[in-house]
Amino acid sequence: MDRPWKRKLLGFTVGRNDKKLKVADKAIDKLKDRVRELTRRTRGNRIEVIAAELRESPLGWKAYFGIAEVLSPLRDIDKWVRRKLRCYVWKQWGSAGYRELRKRGVTVREAWNTSKWEGGAVRLLPIPIRQFP
């Protein structure tokens, strides 16, 4: 026997203090592994193909785990997936990153700092994903 918050049933668990239905950590890790697999930056596919493939996993996951009462992991995963897509696009742009950012309305200074900084894709976080192709 173990405490209810340490048990997992069908990908769900119960919160320790508030007794709410939560998504188990293992289920979140499986979704992240699937997203990592689909957004590997060396796949060589266009972003439209990646987005179409990627759309299926989170939608099904949300449909299944949508009854969970604690939704903060869902919001965190959404942010994380968007970041992975930005990194994918950044890798495709290659050395043209500065020009592509300028085309999308990023200031000269921010585009320069982002393109010359080794972690450039991480700086793209404030840019909305819909500005990407």
N, C-alpha and C. Protein backbone atom coordinates (compact mmCIF):
# COMPACT_ATOMS: atom_id res chain seq x y z
N MET A 1 0.84 -1.19 0.00
CA MET A 1 0.00 0.00 0.00
C MET A 1 0.88 1.25 0.00
N ASP A 2 0.37 2.22 -0.67
CA ASP A 2 1.10 3.47 -0.75
C ASP A 2 0.10 4.61 -0.70
N ARG A 3 0.59 5.80 -0.51
CA ARG A 3 -0.28 6.98 -0.45
C ARG A 3 -0.91 7.25 -1.82
N PRO A 4 -2.12 7.80 -1.85
CA PRO A 4 -2.80 8.05 -3.13
C PRO A 4 -2.00 8.96 -4.07
N TRP A 5 -1.30 9.96 -3.55
CA TRP A 5 -0.57 10.88 -4.42
C TRP A 5 0.70 10.25 -4.98
N LYS A 6 1.06 9.06 -4.50
CA LYS A 6 2.21 8.37 -5.06
C LYS A 6 1.80 7.30 -6.06
N ARG A 7 0.52 7.09 -6.21
CA ARG A 7 0.00 6.11 -7.15
C ARG A 7 -0.37 6.78 -8.46
N LYS A 8 -0.28 6.00 -9.52
CA LYS A 8 -0.65 6.48 -10.84
C LYS A 8 -1.62 5.48 -11.45
N LEU A 9 -2.69 6.00 -12.03
CA LEU A 9 -3.67 5.16 -12.68
C LEU A 9 -4.05 5.79 -14.01
N LEU A 10 -3.77 5.08 -15.10
CA LEU A 10 -4.08 5.56 -16.45
C LEU A 10 -3.49 6.93 -16.75
N GLY A 11 -2.32 7.23 -16.19
CA GLY A 11 -1.64 8.48 -16.46
C GLY A 11 -2.03 9.62 -15.54
N PHE A 12 -2.90 9.36 -14.59
CA PHE A 12 -3.35 10.38 -13.65
C PHE A 12 -2.83 10.06 -12.25
N THR A 13 -2.78 11.09 -11.44
CA THR A 13 -2.46 10.94 -10.03
C THR A 13 -3.29 11.99 -9.27
N VAL A 14 -3.29 11.89 -7.96
CA VAL A 14 -4.04 12.83 -7.13
C VAL A 14 -3.05 13.74 -6.43
N GLY A 15 -3.36 15.04 -6.38
CA GLY A 15 -2.50 15.99 -5.69
C GLY A 15 -2.40 15.67 -4.21
N ARG A 16 -1.29 16.02 -3.61
CA ARG A 16 -1.04 15.67 -2.21
C ARG A 16 -1.90 16.48 -1.25
N ASN A 17 -1.92 17.79 -1.40
CA ASN A 17 -2.62 18.63 -0.44
C ASN A 17 -4.03 18.98 -0.88
N ASP A 18 -4.19 19.30 -2.17
CA ASP A 18 -5.49 19.80 -2.61
C ASP A 18 -6.41 18.71 -3.15
N LYS A 19 -5.94 17.47 -3.23
CA LYS A 19 -6.74 16.32 -3.66
C LYS A 19 -7.37 16.51 -5.04
N LYS A 20 -6.67 17.19 -5.94
CA LYS A 20 -7.15 17.39 -7.30
C LYS A 20 -6.53 16.35 -8.22
N LEU A 21 -7.23 16.06 -9.29
CA LEU A 21 -6.74 15.12 -10.29
C LEU A 21 -5.66 15.80 -11.13
N LYS A 22 -4.50 15.17 -11.21
CA LYS A 22 -3.37 15.75 -11.93
C LYS A 22 -2.85 14.76 -12.96
N VAL A 23 -2.09 15.28 -13.92
CA VAL A 23 -1.42 14.43 -14.90
C VAL A 23 -0.14 13.91 -14.25
N ALA A 24 0.10 12.61 -14.38
CA ALA A 24 1.30 12.01 -13.80
C ALA A 24 2.54 12.50 -14.54
N ASP A 25 3.63 12.59 -13.83
CA ASP A 25 4.90 13.06 -14.41
C ASP A 25 5.35 12.17 -15.57
N LYS A 26 5.13 10.88 -15.44
CA LYS A 26 5.55 9.95 -16.50
C LYS A 26 4.81 10.24 -17.81
N ALA A 27 3.54 10.61 -17.73
CA ALA A 27 2.76 10.93 -18.93
C ALA A 27 3.30 12.20 -19.59
N ILE A 28 3.67 13.18 -18.78
CA ILE A 28 4.25 14.42 -19.32
C ILE A 28 5.59 14.12 -19.99
N ASP A 29 6.39 13.27 -19.36
CA ASP A 29 7.68 12.91 -19.93
C ASP A 29 7.53 12.19 -21.27
N LYS A 30 6.52 11.33 -21.39
CA LYS A 30 6.28 10.63 -22.66
C LYS A 30 5.89 11.59 -23.76
N LEU A 31 5.06 12.57 -23.43
CA LEU A 31 4.68 13.57 -24.44
C LEU A 31 5.90 14.38 -24.86
N LYS A 32 6.71 14.78 -23.90
CA LYS A 32 7.91 15.56 -24.24
C LYS A 32 8.87 14.74 -25.11
N ASP A 33 9.00 13.44 -24.84
CA ASP A 33 9.85 12.60 -25.67
C ASP A 33 9.34 12.57 -27.10
N ARG A 34 8.03 12.48 -27.27
CA ARG A 34 7.44 12.46 -28.61
C ARG A 34 7.68 13.79 -29.33
N VAL A 35 7.52 14.89 -28.62
CA VAL A 35 7.76 16.21 -29.22
C VAL A 35 9.23 16.36 -29.60
N ARG A 36 10.12 15.90 -28.74
CA ARG A 36 11.56 15.96 -29.07
C ARG A 36 11.86 15.17 -30.33
N GLU A 37 11.24 14.01 -30.45
CA GLU A 37 11.45 13.17 -31.61
C GLU A 37 10.97 13.88 -32.89
N LEU A 38 9.83 14.53 -32.82
CA LEU A 38 9.27 15.19 -33.99
C LEU A 38 9.98 16.49 -34.35
N THR A 39 10.57 17.17 -33.36
CA THR A 39 11.19 18.48 -33.61
C THR A 39 12.71 18.42 -33.62
N ARG A 40 13.26 17.24 -33.84
CA ARG A 40 14.72 17.17 -33.99
C ARG A 40 15.13 18.10 -35.11
N ARG A 41 16.08 18.96 -34.86
CA ARG A 41 16.42 20.01 -35.82
C ARG A 41 17.17 19.49 -37.04
N THR A 42 17.51 18.22 -37.05
CA THR A 42 18.23 17.67 -38.20
C THR A 42 17.33 16.83 -39.10
N ARG A 43 16.02 16.89 -38.91
CA ARG A 43 15.10 16.09 -39.73
C ARG A 43 15.03 16.56 -41.16
N GLY A 44 15.21 17.84 -41.42
CA GLY A 44 15.23 18.36 -42.78
C GLY A 44 13.87 18.55 -43.40
N ASN A 45 12.82 18.61 -42.62
CA ASN A 45 11.48 18.86 -43.15
C ASN A 45 11.12 20.33 -42.99
N ARG A 46 10.15 20.77 -43.79
CA ARG A 46 9.66 22.14 -43.65
C ARG A 46 8.84 22.26 -42.38
N ILE A 47 8.72 23.47 -41.88
CA ILE A 47 8.02 23.70 -40.61
C ILE A 47 6.55 23.31 -40.73
N GLU A 48 5.96 23.44 -41.90
CA GLU A 48 4.56 23.07 -42.10
C GLU A 48 4.37 21.57 -41.87
N VAL A 49 5.30 20.77 -42.35
CA VAL A 49 5.24 19.32 -42.18
C VAL A 49 5.39 18.96 -40.71
N ILE A 50 6.35 19.61 -40.06
CA ILE A 50 6.58 19.35 -38.63
C ILE A 50 5.35 19.73 -37.82
N ALA A 51 4.77 20.89 -38.11
CA ALA A 51 3.59 21.34 -37.37
C ALA A 51 2.42 20.40 -37.57
N ALA A 52 2.24 19.89 -38.78
CA ALA A 52 1.14 18.96 -39.05
C ALA A 52 1.33 17.66 -38.27
N GLU A 53 2.55 17.14 -38.26
CA GLU A 53 2.84 15.92 -37.50
C GLU A 53 2.70 16.16 -36.00
N LEU A 54 3.15 17.32 -35.59
CA LEU A 54 3.16 17.65 -34.16
C LEU A 54 1.76 17.92 -33.63
N ARG A 55 0.87 18.32 -34.49
CA ARG A 55 -0.48 18.67 -34.07
C ARG A 55 -1.24 17.48 -33.47
N GLU A 56 -0.98 16.29 -33.99
CA GLU A 56 -1.72 15.12 -33.56
C GLU A 56 -1.45 14.74 -32.10
N SER A 57 -0.20 14.70 -31.70
CA SER A 57 0.13 14.25 -30.34
C SER A 57 -0.45 15.14 -29.25
N PRO A 58 -0.19 16.47 -29.28
CA PRO A 58 -0.76 17.30 -28.21
C PRO A 58 -2.28 17.37 -28.21
N LEU A 59 -2.90 17.31 -29.40
CA LEU A 59 -4.36 17.34 -29.43
C LEU A 59 -4.96 16.10 -28.78
N GLY A 60 -4.43 14.95 -29.11
CA GLY A 60 -4.90 13.71 -28.49
C GLY A 60 -4.60 13.69 -27.00
N TRP A 61 -3.44 14.18 -26.65
CA TRP A 61 -3.04 14.22 -25.24
C TRP A 61 -3.97 15.14 -24.46
N LYS A 62 -4.28 16.30 -25.03
CA LYS A 62 -5.18 17.26 -24.37
C LYS A 62 -6.59 16.68 -24.24
N ALA A 63 -7.04 15.97 -25.27
CA ALA A 63 -8.37 15.36 -25.21
C ALA A 63 -8.44 14.33 -24.09
N TYR A 64 -7.37 13.56 -23.92
CA TYR A 64 -7.36 12.53 -22.89
C TYR A 64 -7.19 13.12 -21.50
N PHE A 65 -6.20 14.00 -21.35
CA PHE A 65 -5.87 14.53 -20.02
C PHE A 65 -6.61 15.83 -19.70
N GLY A 66 -7.51 16.25 -20.55
CA GLY A 66 -8.24 17.51 -20.35
C GLY A 66 -9.10 17.53 -19.09
N ILE A 67 -9.42 16.35 -18.55
CA ILE A 67 -10.25 16.32 -17.34
C ILE A 67 -9.44 16.59 -16.08
N ALA A 68 -8.13 16.66 -16.23
CA ALA A 68 -7.29 16.96 -15.06
C ALA A 68 -7.64 18.34 -14.52
N GLU A 69 -7.65 18.47 -13.23
CA GLU A 69 -8.03 19.73 -12.59
C GLU A 69 -6.87 20.70 -12.49
N VAL A 70 -5.67 20.22 -12.64
CA VAL A 70 -4.49 21.07 -12.58
C VAL A 70 -3.96 21.22 -14.01
N LEU A 71 -4.17 22.38 -14.60
CA LEU A 71 -3.84 22.59 -16.01
C LEU A 71 -2.50 23.28 -16.25
N SER A 72 -1.79 23.64 -15.20
CA SER A 72 -0.52 24.34 -15.41
C SER A 72 0.49 23.52 -16.20
N PRO A 73 0.56 22.19 -16.06
CA PRO A 73 1.49 21.46 -16.93
C PRO A 73 1.14 21.59 -18.40
N LEU A 74 -0.15 21.70 -18.71
CA LEU A 74 -0.55 21.86 -20.11
C LEU A 74 -0.07 23.18 -20.68
N ARG A 75 -0.17 24.23 -19.89
CA ARG A 75 0.32 25.54 -20.35
C ARG A 75 1.83 25.53 -20.50
N ASP A 76 2.52 24.90 -19.57
CA ASP A 76 3.98 24.82 -19.66
C ASP A 76 4.42 24.03 -20.89
N ILE A 77 3.73 22.95 -21.19
CA ILE A 77 4.07 22.16 -22.36
C ILE A 77 3.82 22.95 -23.63
N ASP A 78 2.74 23.72 -23.66
CA ASP A 78 2.44 24.56 -24.82
C ASP A 78 3.58 25.55 -25.07
N LYS A 79 4.05 26.20 -24.03
CA LYS A 79 5.17 27.14 -24.16
C LYS A 79 6.42 26.42 -24.65
N TRP A 80 6.65 25.24 -24.12
CA TRP A 80 7.84 24.47 -24.47
C TRP A 80 7.80 24.04 -25.93
N VAL A 81 6.62 23.60 -26.40
CA VAL A 81 6.48 23.17 -27.80
C VAL A 81 6.73 24.35 -28.73
N ARG A 82 6.19 25.51 -28.39
CA ARG A 82 6.42 26.70 -29.22
C ARG A 82 7.91 27.04 -29.30
N ARG A 83 8.59 26.89 -28.18
CA ARG A 83 10.03 27.16 -28.17
C ARG A 83 10.77 26.17 -29.06
N LYS A 84 10.37 24.90 -29.00
CA LYS A 84 11.00 23.89 -29.85
C LYS A 84 10.79 24.22 -31.33
N LEU A 85 9.60 24.70 -31.68
CA LEU A 85 9.34 25.07 -33.07
C LEU A 85 10.19 26.27 -33.49
N ARG A 86 10.34 27.23 -32.60
CA ARG A 86 11.19 28.39 -32.92
C ARG A 86 12.63 27.95 -33.15
N CYS A 87 13.11 27.04 -32.33
CA CYS A 87 14.48 26.54 -32.50
C CYS A 87 14.62 25.80 -33.82
N TYR A 88 13.58 25.09 -34.22
CA TYR A 88 13.60 24.37 -35.48
C TYR A 88 13.72 25.34 -36.66
N VAL A 89 12.90 26.40 -36.62
CA VAL A 89 12.94 27.41 -37.69
C VAL A 89 14.29 28.11 -37.69
N TRP A 90 14.80 28.43 -36.52
CA TRP A 90 16.10 29.11 -36.41
C TRP A 90 17.20 28.28 -37.05
N LYS A 91 17.15 26.97 -36.83
CA LYS A 91 18.14 26.08 -37.43
C LYS A 91 18.01 26.09 -38.95
N GLN A 92 16.79 26.13 -39.46
CA GLN A 92 16.59 26.14 -40.91
C GLN A 92 17.08 27.44 -41.53
N TRP A 93 16.92 28.54 -40.83
CA TRP A 93 17.36 29.82 -41.36
C TRP A 93 18.87 29.87 -41.52
N GLY A 94 19.58 29.23 -40.62
CA GLY A 94 21.04 29.22 -40.70
C GLY A 94 21.63 30.61 -40.60
N SER A 95 22.52 30.95 -41.55
CA SER A 95 23.21 32.24 -41.50
C SER A 95 22.30 33.40 -41.92
N ALA A 96 21.12 33.12 -42.43
CA ALA A 96 20.19 34.17 -42.86
C ALA A 96 19.28 34.62 -41.71
N GLY A 97 19.59 34.21 -40.51
CA GLY A 97 18.74 34.51 -39.36
C GLY A 97 18.49 35.99 -39.16
N TYR A 98 19.53 36.81 -39.32
CA TYR A 98 19.38 38.26 -39.14
C TYR A 98 18.37 38.81 -40.14
N ARG A 99 18.52 38.47 -41.41
CA ARG A 99 17.61 38.98 -42.45
C ARG A 99 16.18 38.50 -42.22
N GLU A 100 16.03 37.27 -41.81
CA GLU A 100 14.68 36.73 -41.57
C GLU A 100 14.01 37.44 -40.40
N LEU A 101 14.76 37.73 -39.35
CA LEU A 101 14.19 38.46 -38.21
C LEU A 101 13.80 39.88 -38.62
N ARG A 102 14.63 40.52 -39.40
CA ARG A 102 14.31 41.89 -39.85
C ARG A 102 13.05 41.89 -40.72
N LYS A 103 12.88 40.88 -41.56
CA LYS A 103 11.68 40.77 -42.39
C LYS A 103 10.42 40.68 -41.53
N ARG A 104 10.56 40.12 -40.35
CA ARG A 104 9.42 39.90 -39.46
C ARG A 104 9.23 41.03 -38.45
N GLY A 105 9.94 42.14 -38.66
CA GLY A 105 9.70 43.33 -37.85
C GLY A 105 10.49 43.44 -36.56
N VAL A 106 11.49 42.62 -36.38
CA VAL A 106 12.33 42.72 -35.19
C VAL A 106 13.28 43.90 -35.37
N THR A 107 13.55 44.64 -34.31
CA THR A 107 14.42 45.81 -34.40
C THR A 107 15.82 45.39 -34.82
N VAL A 108 16.56 46.34 -35.38
CA VAL A 108 17.91 46.06 -35.85
C VAL A 108 18.78 45.54 -34.71
N ARG A 109 18.71 46.22 -33.59
CA ARG A 109 19.55 45.83 -32.45
C ARG A 109 19.22 44.42 -31.95
N GLU A 110 17.93 44.16 -31.78
CA GLU A 110 17.53 42.84 -31.27
C GLU A 110 17.86 41.74 -32.28
N ALA A 111 17.65 42.01 -33.57
CA ALA A 111 17.97 41.02 -34.60
C ALA A 111 19.47 40.74 -34.62
N TRP A 112 20.28 41.79 -34.50
CA TRP A 112 21.74 41.62 -34.50
C TRP A 112 22.19 40.82 -33.28
N ASN A 113 21.71 41.22 -32.11
CA ASN A 113 22.09 40.51 -30.88
C ASN A 113 21.66 39.04 -30.92
N THR A 114 20.48 38.81 -31.44
CA THR A 114 19.98 37.44 -31.51
C THR A 114 20.77 36.60 -32.50
N SER A 115 21.06 37.14 -33.66
CA SER A 115 21.74 36.36 -34.68
C SER A 115 23.21 36.12 -34.35
N LYS A 116 23.83 37.02 -33.61
CA LYS A 116 25.26 36.86 -33.29
C LYS A 116 25.50 36.13 -31.97
N TRP A 117 24.45 35.93 -31.20
CA TRP A 117 24.59 35.25 -29.92
C TRP A 117 24.47 33.76 -30.15
N GLU A 118 25.29 32.94 -29.52
CA GLU A 118 25.30 31.50 -29.79
C GLU A 118 23.99 30.81 -29.44
N GLY A 119 23.24 31.32 -28.49
CA GLY A 119 21.95 30.74 -28.13
C GLY A 119 20.82 31.50 -28.76
N GLY A 120 20.98 31.95 -29.99
CA GLY A 120 20.04 32.82 -30.66
C GLY A 120 18.60 32.38 -30.61
N ALA A 121 18.35 31.10 -30.77
CA ALA A 121 16.97 30.63 -30.81
C ALA A 121 16.26 30.85 -29.48
N VAL A 122 16.98 30.84 -28.39
CA VAL A 122 16.36 31.06 -27.09
C VAL A 122 15.87 32.49 -26.97
N ARG A 123 16.57 33.43 -27.61
CA ARG A 123 16.15 34.83 -27.57
C ARG A 123 14.86 35.08 -28.34
N LEU A 124 14.45 34.14 -29.15
CA LEU A 124 13.25 34.32 -29.96
C LEU A 124 11.97 34.15 -29.16
N LEU A 125 12.06 33.85 -27.89
CA LEU A 125 10.87 33.58 -27.08
C LEU A 125 9.82 34.68 -27.14
N PRO A 126 10.16 35.97 -27.10
CA PRO A 126 9.09 36.96 -27.12
C PRO A 126 8.42 37.14 -28.48
N ILE A 127 8.97 36.57 -29.55
CA ILE A 127 8.40 36.74 -30.87
C ILE A 127 7.27 35.71 -31.03
N PRO A 128 6.06 36.15 -31.34
CA PRO A 128 4.94 35.22 -31.49
C PRO A 128 5.20 34.22 -32.60
N ILE A 129 4.78 32.98 -32.41
CA ILE A 129 5.02 31.92 -33.38
C ILE A 129 4.33 32.19 -34.70
N ARG A 130 3.22 32.94 -34.72
CA ARG A 130 2.51 33.16 -35.97
C ARG A 130 3.29 34.06 -36.93
N GLN A 131 4.36 34.70 -36.45
CA GLN A 131 5.19 35.50 -37.35
C GLN A 131 6.16 34.62 -38.13
N PHE A 132 6.24 33.34 -37.77
CA PHE A 132 7.13 32.43 -38.47
C PHE A 132 6.37 31.82 -39.64
N PRO A 133 7.10 31.38 -40.65
CA PRO A 133 6.44 30.81 -41.84
C PRO A 133 5.64 29.58 -41.50
